[in-house]
Structure formats: C-alpha cells, structure tokens
C-alpha atoms as a PDB file:
ATOM      1  CA  MET A   1      11.114 -13.774  -9.052  1.00  0.00           C
ATOM      2  CA  LYS A   2      11.708 -11.034  -6.501  1.00  0.00           C
ATOM      3  CA  GLN A   3      13.378  -8.862  -9.145  1.00  0.00           C
ATOM      4  CA  ASN A   4      10.270  -9.087 -11.320  1.00  0.00           C
ATOM      5  CA  GLU A   5       8.073  -7.987  -8.410  1.00  0.00           C
ATOM      6  CA  GLU A   6      10.310  -4.990  -7.713  1.00  0.00           C
ATOM      7  CA  LYS A   7      10.300  -4.089 -11.399  1.00  0.00           C
ATOM      8  CA  ASP A   8       6.490  -4.297 -11.503  1.00  0.00           C
ATOM      9  CA  GLN A   9       6.193  -2.160  -8.367  1.00  0.00           C
ATOM     10  CA  LYS A  10       8.415   0.539  -9.846  1.00  0.00           C
ATOM     11  CA  TRP A  11       6.382   0.478 -13.060  1.00  0.00           C
ATOM     12  CA  LEU A  12       3.097   0.855 -11.144  1.00  0.00           C
ATOM     13  CA  GLN A  13       4.534   3.675  -9.044  1.00  0.00           C
ATOM     14  CA  SER A  14       5.644   5.494 -12.177  1.00  0.00           C
ATOM     15  CA  LEU A  15       2.072   5.243 -13.497  1.00  0.00           C
ATOM     16  CA  MET A  16       0.646   6.699 -10.282  1.00  0.00           C
ATOM     17  CA  LYS A  17       3.107   9.616 -10.117  1.00  0.00           C
ATOM     18  CA  LYS A  18       1.673  13.075 -10.575  1.00  0.00           C
ATOM     19  CA  PRO A  19       3.077  14.850 -13.623  1.00  0.00           C
ATOM     20  CA  ASP A  20       5.480  17.650 -12.747  1.00  0.00           C
ATOM     21  CA  ASN A  21       4.887  19.694 -15.875  1.00  0.00           C
ATOM     22  CA  GLY A  22       1.296  20.559 -14.873  1.00  0.00           C
ATOM     23  CA  LYS A  23      -0.002  20.555 -18.448  1.00  0.00           C
ATOM     24  CA  LYS A  24      -2.688  17.912 -18.427  1.00  0.00           C
ATOM     25  CA  ARG A  25      -3.582  15.747 -15.445  1.00  0.00           C
ATOM     26  CA  ARG A  26      -3.794  12.042 -16.126  1.00  0.00           C
ATOM     27  CA  LEU A  27      -6.199   9.853 -14.227  1.00  0.00           C
ATOM     28  CA  PRO A  28      -4.506   7.394 -11.910  1.00  0.00           C
ATOM     29  CA  LEU A  29      -4.754   3.789 -12.986  1.00  0.00           C
ATOM     30  CA  HIS A  30      -7.081   2.749 -10.159  1.00  0.00           C
ATOM     31  CA  TYR A  31      -9.698   5.276 -11.309  1.00  0.00           C
ATOM     32  CA  LEU A  32      -9.578   3.891 -14.829  1.00  0.00           C
ATOM     33  CA  VAL A  33      -9.976   0.341 -13.522  1.00  0.00           C
ATOM     34  CA  LEU A  34     -12.919   1.420 -11.358  1.00  0.00           C
ATOM     35  CA  LEU A  35     -14.617   3.137 -14.298  1.00  0.00           C
ATOM     36  CA  GLY A  36     -14.061   0.046 -16.439  1.00  0.00           C
ATOM     37  CA  CYS A  37     -15.636  -2.194 -13.795  1.00  0.00           C
ATOM     38  CA  LEU A  38     -18.628   0.132 -13.496  1.00  0.00           C
ATOM     39  CA  GLY A  39     -19.051   0.100 -17.252  1.00  0.00           C
ATOM     40  CA  VAL A  40     -19.031  -3.698 -17.360  1.00  0.00           C
ATOM     41  CA  ALA A  41     -21.499  -3.854 -14.451  1.00  0.00           C
ATOM     42  CA  LEU A  42     -23.915  -1.553 -16.245  1.00  0.00           C
END
C-alpha cells in the first residue's frame, strides 16, 4: 500500500512540475480542479 502512495505522489509531482522547455505553460492541476468546481457551482 505504501508503494502505491509513493507512486501516486511522484505522479502528482510530475504533473505540477514547471516545463523546462518554456514553449507553452500548462496550468497546474489544482487550478483546473478549482475552475471545474466553479463551473459546477455556477
């Protein structure tokens, strides 16, 4: 079970990493979740 948690943490951290190439900035996951919640609330 602990291995799965570590794997999930690494996956989430890779999603939150800033891209090094500087081409196009991706929104961090928490912003997308917040926008989704606001959309549902409206």
